C-alpha atoms as a PDB file:
ATOM      1  CA  MET A   1      91.883 148.193  95.662  1.00  0.00           C
ATOM      2  CA  SER A   2      89.228 147.018  93.203  1.00  0.00           C
ATOM      3  CA  GLY A   3      88.925 144.957  90.049  1.00  0.00           C
ATOM      4  CA  PHE A   4      91.371 142.362  88.752  1.00  0.00           C
ATOM      5  CA  GLN A   5      94.593 142.159  90.769  1.00  0.00           C
ATOM      6  CA  LEU A   6      97.711 140.395  89.514  1.00  0.00           C
ATOM      7  CA  GLU A   7      99.300 140.436  92.982  1.00  0.00           C
ATOM      8  CA  ASP A   8      97.020 137.573  94.055  1.00  0.00           C
ATOM      9  CA  PHE A   9      98.561 135.312  91.398  1.00  0.00           C
ATOM     10  CA  VAL A  10     102.135 136.262  92.319  1.00  0.00           C
ATOM     11  CA  ALA A  11     101.500 135.729  96.025  1.00  0.00           C
ATOM     12  CA  GLY A  12      99.816 132.401  95.259  1.00  0.00           C
ATOM     13  CA  TRP A  13     102.920 131.310  93.349  1.00  0.00           C
ATOM     14  CA  ILE A  14     105.177 132.056  96.327  1.00  0.00           C
ATOM     15  CA  GLY A  15     102.830 130.354  98.763  1.00  0.00           C
ATOM     16  CA  GLY A  16     102.562 127.318  96.494  1.00  0.00           C
ATOM     17  CA  ALA A  17     106.331 126.868  96.389  1.00  0.00           C
ATOM     18  CA  ALA A  18     106.470 127.043 100.184  1.00  0.00           C
ATOM     19  CA  SER A  19     103.738 124.420 100.559  1.00  0.00           C
ATOM     20  CA  VAL A  20     105.488 121.960  98.219  1.00  0.00           C
ATOM     21  CA  ILE A  21     108.776 122.156 100.101  1.00  0.00           C
ATOM     22  CA  VAL A  22     107.036 121.602 103.435  1.00  0.00           C
ATOM     23  CA  GLY A  23     104.537 118.940 102.419  1.00  0.00           C
ATOM     24  CA  HIS A  24     106.045 116.752  99.682  1.00  0.00           C
ATOM     25  CA  PRO A  25     107.610 114.056 101.933  1.00  0.00           C
ATOM     26  CA  LEU A  26     104.267 113.322 103.592  1.00  0.00           C
ATOM     27  CA  ASP A  27     102.534 113.618 100.230  1.00  0.00           C
ATOM     28  CA  THR A  28     104.716 110.761  99.000  1.00  0.00           C
ATOM     29  CA  VAL A  29     103.725 108.677 102.033  1.00  0.00           C
ATOM     30  CA  LYS A  30     100.052 109.503 101.418  1.00  0.00           C
ATOM     31  CA  THR A  31     100.248 108.443  97.774  1.00  0.00           C
ATOM     32  CA  ARG A  32     102.008 105.161  98.587  1.00  0.00           C
ATOM     33  CA  LEU A  33      99.390 104.342 101.240  1.00  0.00           C
ATOM     34  CA  GLN A  34      96.475 105.096  98.937  1.00  0.00           C
ATOM     35  CA  ALA A  35      97.654 103.646  95.641  1.00  0.00           C
ATOM     36  CA  GLY A  36     100.215 101.055  96.728  1.00  0.00           C
ATOM     37  CA  ILE A  37     100.035  97.647  98.384  1.00  0.00           C
ATOM     38  CA  GLY A  38     102.011  96.277 101.293  1.00  0.00           C
ATOM     39  CA  TYR A  39     102.788  99.489 103.153  1.00  0.00           C
ATOM     40  CA  GLY A  40     100.533  98.909 106.186  1.00  0.00           C
ATOM     41  CA  ASN A  41      99.972 101.984 108.349  1.00  0.00           C
ATOM     42  CA  THR A  42     101.613 105.388 108.157  1.00  0.00           C
ATOM     43  CA  LEU A  43     104.660 104.570 110.295  1.00  0.00           C
ATOM     44  CA  SER A  44     105.182 101.274 108.478  1.00  0.00           C
ATOM     45  CA  CYS A  45     105.036 103.089 105.154  1.00  0.00           C
ATOM     46  CA  ILE A  46     107.623 105.644 106.291  1.00  0.00           C
ATOM     47  CA  ARG A  47     109.976 102.877 107.449  1.00  0.00           C
ATOM     48  CA  THR A  48     109.498 100.907 104.217  1.00  0.00           C
ATOM     49  CA  VAL A  49     110.167 103.885 101.963  1.00  0.00           C
ATOM     50  CA  TYR A  50     113.241 104.850 103.977  1.00  0.00           C
ATOM     51  CA  ARG A  51     114.607 101.297 104.022  1.00  0.00           C
ATOM     52  CA  ARG A  52     114.125 100.759 100.283  1.00  0.00           C
ATOM     53  CA  GLU A  53     114.927 104.223  98.926  1.00  0.00           C
ATOM     54  CA  THR A  54     116.648 106.157 101.769  1.00  0.00           C
ATOM     55  CA  VAL A  55     115.544 109.686 102.610  1.00  0.00           C
ATOM     56  CA  PHE A  56     115.549 110.635  98.918  1.00  0.00           C
ATOM     57  CA  GLY A  57     112.548 108.371  98.390  1.00  0.00           C
ATOM     58  CA  PHE A  58     110.356 110.876 100.214  1.00  0.00           C
ATOM     59  CA  PHE A  59     111.260 113.533  97.660  1.00  0.00           C
ATOM     60  CA  LYS A  60     110.583 111.326  94.634  1.00  0.00           C
ATOM     61  CA  GLY A  61     108.823 113.368  91.964  1.00  0.00           C
ATOM     62  CA  MET A  62     109.314 116.681  93.775  1.00  0.00           C
ATOM     63  CA  SER A  63     111.097 118.592  91.007  1.00  0.00           C
ATOM     64  CA  PHE A  64     108.034 118.715  88.780  1.00  0.00           C
ATOM     65  CA  PRO A  65     105.585 119.821  91.530  1.00  0.00           C
ATOM     66  CA  LEU A  66     108.051 122.440  92.747  1.00  0.00           C
ATOM     67  CA  ALA A  67     108.251 123.901  89.255  1.00  0.00           C
ATOM     68  CA  SER A  68     104.551 123.550  88.479  1.00  0.00           C
ATOM     69  CA  ILE A  69     102.515 123.485  91.697  1.00  0.00           C
ATOM     70  CA  ALA A  70     103.540 127.058  92.369  1.00  0.00           C
ATOM     71  CA  VAL A  71     101.885 128.010  89.090  1.00  0.00           C
ATOM     72  CA  TYR A  72      98.905 125.826  89.981  1.00  0.00           C
ATOM     73  CA  ASN A  73      98.422 127.518  93.363  1.00  0.00           C
ATOM     74  CA  SER A  74      98.997 130.879  91.729  1.00  0.00           C
ATOM     75  CA  VAL A  75      96.008 130.245  89.470  1.00  0.00           C
ATOM     76  CA  VAL A  76      93.825 128.821  92.265  1.00  0.00           C
ATOM     77  CA  PHE A  77      94.470 131.665  94.703  1.00  0.00           C
ATOM     78  CA  GLY A  78      94.328 134.275  91.965  1.00  0.00           C
ATOM     79  CA  VAL A  79      91.011 132.959  90.637  1.00  0.00           C
ATOM     80  CA  PHE A  80      89.522 132.632  94.120  1.00  0.00           C
ATOM     81  CA  SER A  81      90.562 136.101  95.256  1.00  0.00           C
ATOM     82  CA  ASN A  82      89.514 137.884  92.088  1.00  0.00           C
ATOM     83  CA  THR A  83      86.231 135.946  91.807  1.00  0.00           C
ATOM     84  CA  HIS A  84      85.411 136.670  95.433  1.00  0.00           C
ATOM     85  CA  ARG A  85      86.277 140.337  94.978  1.00  0.00           C
ATOM     86  CA  PHE A  86      84.079 140.525  91.884  1.00  0.00           C
ATOM     87  CA  LEU A  87      81.133 138.870  93.653  1.00  0.00           C
ATOM     88  CA  SER A  88      81.510 141.122  96.683  1.00  0.00           C
ATOM     89  CA  GLN A  89      81.548 144.263  94.539  1.00  0.00           C
ATOM     90  CA  HIS A  90      78.681 143.213  92.271  1.00  0.00           C
ATOM     91  CA  GLY A  91      76.506 141.530  94.868  1.00  0.00           C
ATOM     92  CA  CYS A  92      73.533 142.892  96.680  1.00  0.00           C
ATOM     93  CA  GLY A  93      75.549 145.838  97.953  1.00  0.00           C
ATOM     94  CA  GLU A  94      74.948 145.104 101.612  1.00  0.00           C
ATOM     95  CA  PRO A  95      77.746 145.981 104.053  1.00  0.00           C
ATOM     96  CA  GLU A  96      78.171 142.329 105.009  1.00  0.00           C
ATOM     97  CA  ALA A  97      78.822 141.352 101.420  1.00  0.00           C
ATOM     98  CA  ARG A  98      81.294 144.165 100.920  1.00  0.00           C
ATOM     99  CA  SER A  99      83.176 143.188 104.094  1.00  0.00           C
ATOM    100  CA  GLY A 100      84.150 139.827 102.583  1.00  0.00           C
ATOM    101  CA  ARG A 101      82.099 137.717 105.009  1.00  0.00           C
ATOM    102  CA  SER A 102      79.284 136.681 102.688  1.00  0.00           C
ATOM    103  CA  LEU A 103      79.076 132.893 102.865  1.00  0.00           C
ATOM    104  CA  SER A 104      77.426 132.649  99.444  1.00  0.00           C
ATOM    105  CA  ASP A 105      80.209 134.704  97.807  1.00  0.00           C
ATOM    106  CA  LEU A 106      82.901 132.593  99.490  1.00  0.00           C
ATOM    107  CA  LEU A 107      81.110 129.383  98.501  1.00  0.00           C
ATOM    108  CA  LEU A 108      80.791 130.325  94.841  1.00  0.00           C
ATOM    109  CA  ALA A 109      84.351 131.656  94.593  1.00  0.00           C
ATOM    110  CA  SER A 110      85.648 128.432  96.189  1.00  0.00           C
ATOM    111  CA  MET A 111      83.688 126.289  93.719  1.00  0.00           C
ATOM    112  CA  VAL A 112      85.049 128.258  90.747  1.00  0.00           C
ATOM    113  CA  ALA A 113      88.575 127.834  92.118  1.00  0.00           C
ATOM    114  CA  GLY A 114      87.951 124.092  92.502  1.00  0.00           C
ATOM    115  CA  VAL A 115      86.841 123.695  88.886  1.00  0.00           C
ATOM    116  CA  VAL A 116      89.784 125.721  87.569  1.00  0.00           C
ATOM    117  CA  SER A 117      92.181 123.721  89.755  1.00  0.00           C
ATOM    118  CA  VAL A 118      91.323 120.517  87.896  1.00  0.00           C
ATOM    119  CA  GLY A 119      92.023 122.043  84.497  1.00  0.00           C
ATOM    120  CA  VAL A 120      95.403 123.352  85.613  1.00  0.00           C
ATOM    121  CA  GLY A 121      96.391 120.801  88.241  1.00  0.00           C
ATOM    122  CA  GLY A 122      95.181 117.518  86.734  1.00  0.00           C
ATOM    123  CA  PRO A 123      98.315 116.870  84.629  1.00  0.00           C
ATOM    124  CA  VAL A 124     100.562 118.141  87.444  1.00  0.00           C
ATOM    125  CA  ASP A 125      99.035 115.724  89.944  1.00  0.00           C
ATOM    126  CA  LEU A 126      99.125 112.861  87.447  1.00  0.00           C
ATOM    127  CA  VAL A 127     102.847 113.231  86.702  1.00  0.00           C
ATOM    128  CA  LYS A 128     103.669 113.650  90.395  1.00  0.00           C
ATOM    129  CA  ILE A 129     101.837 110.461  91.351  1.00  0.00           C
ATOM    130  CA  ARG A 130     103.261 108.457  88.440  1.00  0.00           C
ATOM    131  CA  LEU A 131     106.796 109.422  89.490  1.00  0.00           C
ATOM    132  CA  GLN A 132     106.042 108.698  93.154  1.00  0.00           C
ATOM    133  CA  MET A 133     104.610 105.257  92.388  1.00  0.00           C
ATOM    134  CA  GLN A 134     106.986 103.890  89.763  1.00  0.00           C
ATOM    135  CA  THR A 135     109.585 102.730  92.303  1.00  0.00           C
ATOM    136  CA  GLN A 136     107.106 100.255  93.775  1.00  0.00           C
ATOM    137  CA  PRO A 137     107.797  96.655  92.624  1.00  0.00           C
ATOM    138  CA  PHE A 138     105.720  95.752  89.566  1.00  0.00           C
ATOM    139  CA  GLY A 139     104.465  92.458  90.955  1.00  0.00           C
ATOM    140  CA  GLU A 140     103.724  93.908  94.382  1.00  0.00           C
ATOM    141  CA  ALA A 141     101.529  96.575  92.874  1.00  0.00           C
ATOM    142  CA  THR A 142      99.489  94.117  90.882  1.00  0.00           C
ATOM    143  CA  HIS A 143      99.657  90.556  92.165  1.00  0.00           C
ATOM    144  CA  GLY A 144     101.031  90.719  95.679  1.00  0.00           C
ATOM    145  CA  SER A 145     104.458  89.355  94.775  1.00  0.00           C
ATOM    146  CA  LYS A 146     107.672  91.362  94.826  1.00  0.00           C
ATOM    147  CA  SER A 147     109.127  91.058  91.332  1.00  0.00           C
ATOM    148  CA  ARG A 148     111.018  94.138  90.207  1.00  0.00           C
ATOM    149  CA  ALA A 149     110.486  96.166  87.048  1.00  0.00           C
ATOM    150  CA  SER A 150     112.585  98.957  85.666  1.00  0.00           C
ATOM    151  CA  ALA A 151     111.346 102.499  86.164  1.00  0.00           C
ATOM    152  CA  ALA A 152     108.734 103.410  83.590  1.00  0.00           C
ATOM    153  CA  TYR A 153     109.694 107.084  83.474  1.00  0.00           C
ATOM    154  CA  GLN A 154     113.086 108.782  83.426  1.00  0.00           C
ATOM    155  CA  GLY A 155     111.742 112.099  84.682  1.00  0.00           C
ATOM    156  CA  PRO A 156     108.815 114.555  84.384  1.00  0.00           C
ATOM    157  CA  VAL A 157     109.345 115.365  80.689  1.00  0.00           C
ATOM    158  CA  HIS A 158     109.698 111.690  79.754  1.00  0.00           C
ATOM    159  CA  CYS A 159     106.634 110.887  81.836  1.00  0.00           C
ATOM    160  CA  ILE A 160     104.523 113.486  80.002  1.00  0.00           C
ATOM    161  CA  ALA A 161     105.816 112.364  76.594  1.00  0.00           C
ATOM    162  CA  THR A 162     105.118 108.706  77.404  1.00  0.00           C
ATOM    163  CA  ILE A 163     101.580 109.401  78.606  1.00  0.00           C
ATOM    164  CA  VAL A 164     100.765 111.487  75.534  1.00  0.00           C
ATOM    165  CA  ARG A 165     102.269 108.860  73.212  1.00  0.00           C
ATOM    166  CA  THR A 166     100.483 105.894  74.787  1.00  0.00           C
ATOM    167  CA  GLU A 167      97.241 107.464  76.011  1.00  0.00           C
ATOM    168  CA  GLY A 168      96.889 110.668  74.018  1.00  0.00           C
ATOM    169  CA  LEU A 169      96.348 114.148  75.441  1.00  0.00           C
ATOM    170  CA  ALA A 170      93.306 112.852  77.320  1.00  0.00           C
ATOM    171  CA  GLY A 171      95.683 110.627  79.275  1.00  0.00           C
ATOM    172  CA  LEU A 172      97.044 113.697  81.066  1.00  0.00           C
ATOM    173  CA  TYR A 173      93.603 114.122  82.618  1.00  0.00           C
ATOM    174  CA  ARG A 174      93.198 110.579  83.881  1.00  0.00           C
ATOM    175  CA  GLY A 175      91.294 110.795  87.166  1.00  0.00           C
ATOM    176  CA  ALA A 176      90.051 114.337  86.413  1.00  0.00           C
ATOM    177  CA  SER A 177      86.445 113.471  87.289  1.00  0.00           C
ATOM    178  CA  ALA A 178      87.518 112.145  90.692  1.00  0.00           C
ATOM    179  CA  MET A 179      89.717 115.207  91.168  1.00  0.00           C
ATOM    180  CA  LEU A 180      86.731 117.435  90.377  1.00  0.00           C
ATOM    181  CA  LEU A 181      84.623 115.610  92.981  1.00  0.00           C
ATOM    182  CA  ARG A 182      87.470 116.081  95.448  1.00  0.00           C
ATOM    183  CA  ASP A 183      88.456 119.673  94.747  1.00  0.00           C
ATOM    184  CA  VAL A 184      85.122 121.486  94.418  1.00  0.00           C
ATOM    185  CA  PRO A 185      83.945 120.598  97.948  1.00  0.00           C
ATOM    186  CA  GLY A 186      87.559 120.473  99.105  1.00  0.00           C
ATOM    187  CA  TYR A 187      88.266 124.110  98.276  1.00  0.00           C
ATOM    188  CA  CYS A 188      84.978 125.139  99.895  1.00  0.00           C
ATOM    189  CA  LEU A 189      86.270 123.517 103.092  1.00  0.00           C
ATOM    190  CA  TYR A 190      89.653 125.163 102.521  1.00  0.00           C
ATOM    191  CA  PHE A 191      88.943 128.831 101.883  1.00  0.00           C
ATOM    192  CA  ILE A 192      85.753 129.274 103.933  1.00  0.00           C
ATOM    193  CA  PRO A 193      87.129 127.941 107.255  1.00  0.00           C
ATOM    194  CA  TYR A 194      90.309 129.956 106.692  1.00  0.00           C
ATOM    195  CA  VAL A 195      88.478 133.256 106.179  1.00  0.00           C
ATOM    196  CA  PHE A 196      86.166 132.831 109.174  1.00  0.00           C
ATOM    197  CA  LEU A 197      88.849 131.370 111.471  1.00  0.00           C
ATOM    198  CA  SER A 198      91.328 134.141 110.702  1.00  0.00           C
ATOM    199  CA  GLU A 199      88.639 136.766 111.349  1.00  0.00           C
ATOM    200  CA  TRP A 200      87.569 135.027 114.556  1.00  0.00           C
ATOM    201  CA  ILE A 201      91.147 134.820 115.888  1.00  0.00           C
ATOM    202  CA  THR A 202      91.944 138.445 115.002  1.00  0.00           C
ATOM    203  CA  PRO A 203      90.939 141.049 117.621  1.00  0.00           C
ATOM    204  CA  GLU A 204      88.472 143.663 116.374  1.00  0.00           C
ATOM    205  CA  ALA A 205      90.981 146.452 117.016  1.00  0.00           C
ATOM    206  CA  CYS A 206      93.454 144.964 114.509  1.00  0.00           C
ATOM    207  CA  ALA A 207      93.309 145.951 110.853  1.00  0.00           C
ATOM    208  CA  GLY A 208      94.124 142.416 109.720  1.00  0.00           C
ATOM    209  CA  PRO A 209      95.168 138.975 110.982  1.00  0.00           C
ATOM    210  CA  SER A 210      98.655 138.549 112.418  1.00  0.00           C
ATOM    211  CA  PRO A 211     101.080 136.022 110.876  1.00  0.00           C
ATOM    212  CA  TYR A 212     100.274 133.690 113.775  1.00  0.00           C
ATOM    213  CA  ALA A 213      96.539 133.941 113.032  1.00  0.00           C
ATOM    214  CA  VAL A 214      97.212 133.257 109.353  1.00  0.00           C
ATOM    215  CA  TRP A 215      99.408 130.257 110.224  1.00  0.00           C
ATOM    216  CA  LEU A 216      96.862 128.771 112.646  1.00  0.00           C
ATOM    217  CA  ALA A 217      93.789 129.420 110.505  1.00  0.00           C
ATOM    218  CA  GLY A 218      95.519 128.217 107.343  1.00  0.00           C
ATOM    219  CA  GLY A 219      96.806 125.053 108.975  1.00  0.00           C
ATOM    220  CA  THR A 220      93.440 124.233 110.526  1.00  0.00           C
ATOM    221  CA  ALA A 221      91.628 124.841 107.236  1.00  0.00           C
ATOM    222  CA  GLY A 222      94.098 122.568 105.462  1.00  0.00           C
ATOM    223  CA  ALA A 223      93.638 119.764 107.970  1.00  0.00           C
ATOM    224  CA  ILE A 224      89.836 120.019 107.649  1.00  0.00           C
ATOM    225  CA  SER A 225      89.906 120.148 103.865  1.00  0.00           C
ATOM    226  CA  TRP A 226      92.356 117.287 103.330  1.00  0.00           C
ATOM    227  CA  GLY A 227      90.773 115.140 106.025  1.00  0.00           C
ATOM    228  CA  THR A 228      87.286 115.319 104.514  1.00  0.00           C
ATOM    229  CA  ALA A 229      88.609 114.930 100.959  1.00  0.00           C
ATOM    230  CA  THR A 230      90.395 111.642 101.720  1.00  0.00           C
ATOM    231  CA  PRO A 231      87.803 109.173 100.287  1.00  0.00           C
ATOM    232  CA  MET A 232      87.755 110.824  96.855  1.00  0.00           C
ATOM    233  CA  ASP A 233      91.485 111.482  97.098  1.00  0.00           C
ATOM    234  CA  VAL A 234      92.008 107.718  97.387  1.00  0.00           C
ATOM    235  CA  VAL A 235      89.980 107.154  94.221  1.00  0.00           C
ATOM    236  CA  LYS A 236      91.839 109.926  92.371  1.00  0.00           C
ATOM    237  CA  SER A 237      95.250 108.591  93.407  1.00  0.00           C
ATOM    238  CA  ARG A 238      94.376 105.068  92.300  1.00  0.00           C
ATOM    239  CA  LEU A 239      93.061 106.213  88.943  1.00  0.00           C
ATOM    240  CA  GLN A 240      96.146 108.346  88.312  1.00  0.00           C
ATOM    241  CA  ALA A 241      98.604 105.673  89.460  1.00  0.00           C
ATOM    242  CA  ASP A 242      96.782 103.170  87.278  1.00  0.00           C
ATOM    243  CA  GLY A 243      98.478 102.798  83.935  1.00  0.00           C
ATOM    244  CA  VAL A 244     102.109 102.848  85.027  1.00  0.00           C
ATOM    245  CA  TYR A 245     102.283  99.127  84.201  1.00  0.00           C
ATOM    246  CA  LEU A 246      98.694  97.854  83.897  1.00  0.00           C
ATOM    247  CA  ASN A 247      95.221  99.371  83.546  1.00  0.00           C
ATOM    248  CA  ARG A 248      92.864  98.069  86.204  1.00  0.00           C
ATOM    249  CA  TYR A 249      90.102 100.678  86.420  1.00  0.00           C
ATOM    250  CA  LYS A 250      87.589 101.805  83.800  1.00  0.00           C
ATOM    251  CA  GLY A 251      86.556 104.932  85.671  1.00  0.00           C
ATOM    252  CA  VAL A 252      85.509 106.430  89.014  1.00  0.00           C
ATOM    253  CA  VAL A 253      82.609 104.028  89.654  1.00  0.00           C
ATOM    254  CA  ASP A 254      84.665 100.985  88.679  1.00  0.00           C
ATOM    255  CA  CYS A 255      87.547 102.106  90.887  1.00  0.00           C
ATOM    256  CA  ILE A 256      85.194 102.581  93.851  1.00  0.00           C
ATOM    257  CA  SER A 257      83.569  99.207  93.202  1.00  0.00           C
ATOM    258  CA  GLN A 258      86.814  97.243  92.838  1.00  0.00           C
ATOM    259  CA  SER A 259      88.452  98.962  95.814  1.00  0.00           C
ATOM    260  CA  TYR A 260      85.441  98.235  98.030  1.00  0.00           C
ATOM    261  CA  GLN A 261      85.139  94.598  96.934  1.00  0.00           C
ATOM    262  CA  GLN A 262      88.831  93.895  97.471  1.00  0.00           C
ATOM    263  CA  GLU A 263      89.554  95.895 100.637  1.00  0.00           C
ATOM    264  CA  GLY A 264      86.261  96.983 102.160  1.00  0.00           C
ATOM    265  CA  LEU A 265      85.045 100.400 103.253  1.00  0.00           C
ATOM    266  CA  LYS A 266      88.223 101.167 105.185  1.00  0.00           C
ATOM    267  CA  VAL A 267      90.168 101.557 101.942  1.00  0.00           C
ATOM    268  CA  PHE A 268      88.536 104.946 101.342  1.00  0.00           C
ATOM    269  CA  PHE A 269      90.027 106.253 104.563  1.00  0.00           C
ATOM    270  CA  ARG A 270      93.520 105.051 103.791  1.00  0.00           C
ATOM    271  CA  GLY A 271      95.921 107.923 104.310  1.00  0.00           C
ATOM    272  CA  LEU A 272      93.391 109.898 106.385  1.00  0.00           C
ATOM    273  CA  THR A 273      95.865 110.495 109.217  1.00  0.00           C
ATOM    274  CA  VAL A 274      98.741 111.531 106.994  1.00  0.00           C
ATOM    275  CA  ASN A 275      96.382 113.683 104.904  1.00  0.00           C
ATOM    276  CA  ALA A 276      95.189 115.607 107.945  1.00  0.00           C
ATOM    277  CA  VAL A 277      98.670 115.819 109.466  1.00  0.00           C
ATOM    278  CA  ARG A 278     100.386 117.024 106.292  1.00  0.00           C
ATOM    279  CA  GLY A 279      97.456 119.313 105.525  1.00  0.00           C
ATOM    280  CA  PHE A 280      98.298 121.517 108.502  1.00  0.00           C
ATOM    281  CA  PRO A 281     101.944 122.457 107.733  1.00  0.00           C
ATOM    282  CA  MET A 282     101.344 122.557 103.974  1.00  0.00           C
ATOM    283  CA  SER A 283      98.376 124.891 104.216  1.00  0.00           C
ATOM    284  CA  ALA A 284      99.931 126.944 106.993  1.00  0.00           C
ATOM    285  CA  ALA A 285     102.959 127.519 104.751  1.00  0.00           C
ATOM    286  CA  MET A 286     100.689 128.155 101.766  1.00  0.00           C
ATOM    287  CA  PHE A 287      98.543 130.813 103.420  1.00  0.00           C
ATOM    288  CA  LEU A 288     101.420 132.402 105.307  1.00  0.00           C
ATOM    289  CA  GLY A 289     103.502 132.640 102.140  1.00  0.00           C
ATOM    290  CA  TYR A 290     100.515 134.015 100.255  1.00  0.00           C
ATOM    291  CA  GLU A 291      99.499 136.599 102.832  1.00  0.00           C
ATOM    292  CA  LEU A 292     102.995 137.869 103.621  1.00  0.00           C
ATOM    293  CA  SER A 293     103.840 138.084  99.919  1.00  0.00           C
ATOM    294  CA  LEU A 294     100.613 139.942  99.247  1.00  0.00           C
ATOM    295  CA  LYS A 295     101.418 142.309 102.085  1.00  0.00           C
ATOM    296  CA  ALA A 296     104.879 143.013 100.647  1.00  0.00           C
ATOM    297  CA  LEU A 297     103.604 143.420  97.090  1.00  0.00           C
ATOM    298  CA  ARG A 298     100.898 145.868  98.114  1.00  0.00           C
ATOM    299  CA  GLY A 299     102.992 147.680 100.682  1.00  0.00           C
ATOM    300  CA  ASP A 300     100.350 147.069 103.334  1.00  0.00           C
ATOM    301  CA  HIS A 301     101.038 147.231 107.031  1.00  0.00           C
ATOM    302  CA  SER A 302      98.594 144.441 107.862  1.00  0.00           C
ATOM    303  CA  VAL A 303      97.852 141.041 106.428  1.00  0.00           C
ATOM    304  CA  THR A 304      94.773 140.932 104.228  1.00  0.00           C
ATOM    305  CA  SER A 305      92.654 137.799 103.757  1.00  0.00           C
ATOM    306  CA  PRO A 306      92.157 136.551 100.191  1.00  0.00           C
END
């Protein structure tokens, strides 16, 4: 099949929904570790969230991502697949390029997907993090004490309305520059390892990767991508969480500077373990949902890489 294909967007939507369901609890832990204070290590954070908020605390802010992240992943996967297809068909015309293994085509398509992801996903990520962080005590988040404050937002719609009212439309893209610095290289280390790993795992006699190959390659790619993206992910999370009660950071450079001065270099690796761990099941579910959906939509008998 050639040209623009809508199936890539539909399959991306299904895969995105699967990844949210699988990964949101650990995403909440990751956000608390990166943008909160007083949670200690990963296990300590899990115990603290469970003790204060029960198991429902891990699913705080999930309704909005579940409704929106599927659309977000639909756009990302659709843009990547169609951009890569376009580049492969209008490239130099060599067999390697047409086979989908051209590193330059994969790199450029991944970068385009990363840029588009910020435009679509910036507000989604912002609302998710604001809802995840608002249950933290006001004083603990700012001064180290444990004074309580009422929840700033009553839900996703109220959160969006409040941000627009107090910060304007630009407020929905708080942390977008940090997200751009995270996602452009992040998606390069997401799609490229997946494509080459799935091809490497798949025997030459097979027409396409098996579901197991998709699961393993997708999970590994996710762990690599999220692990390496952690430093800028910390900055993005802090910028987006900033503003729930107080504004502490003036921008990316100021956030990096203040975080380093107050907590040292190790702060930029906060959440590294949970990022890498959650990256595997989330991405495995994402790619498996995408590939199997694409297979069903196209009526193929083998899984086809994006």
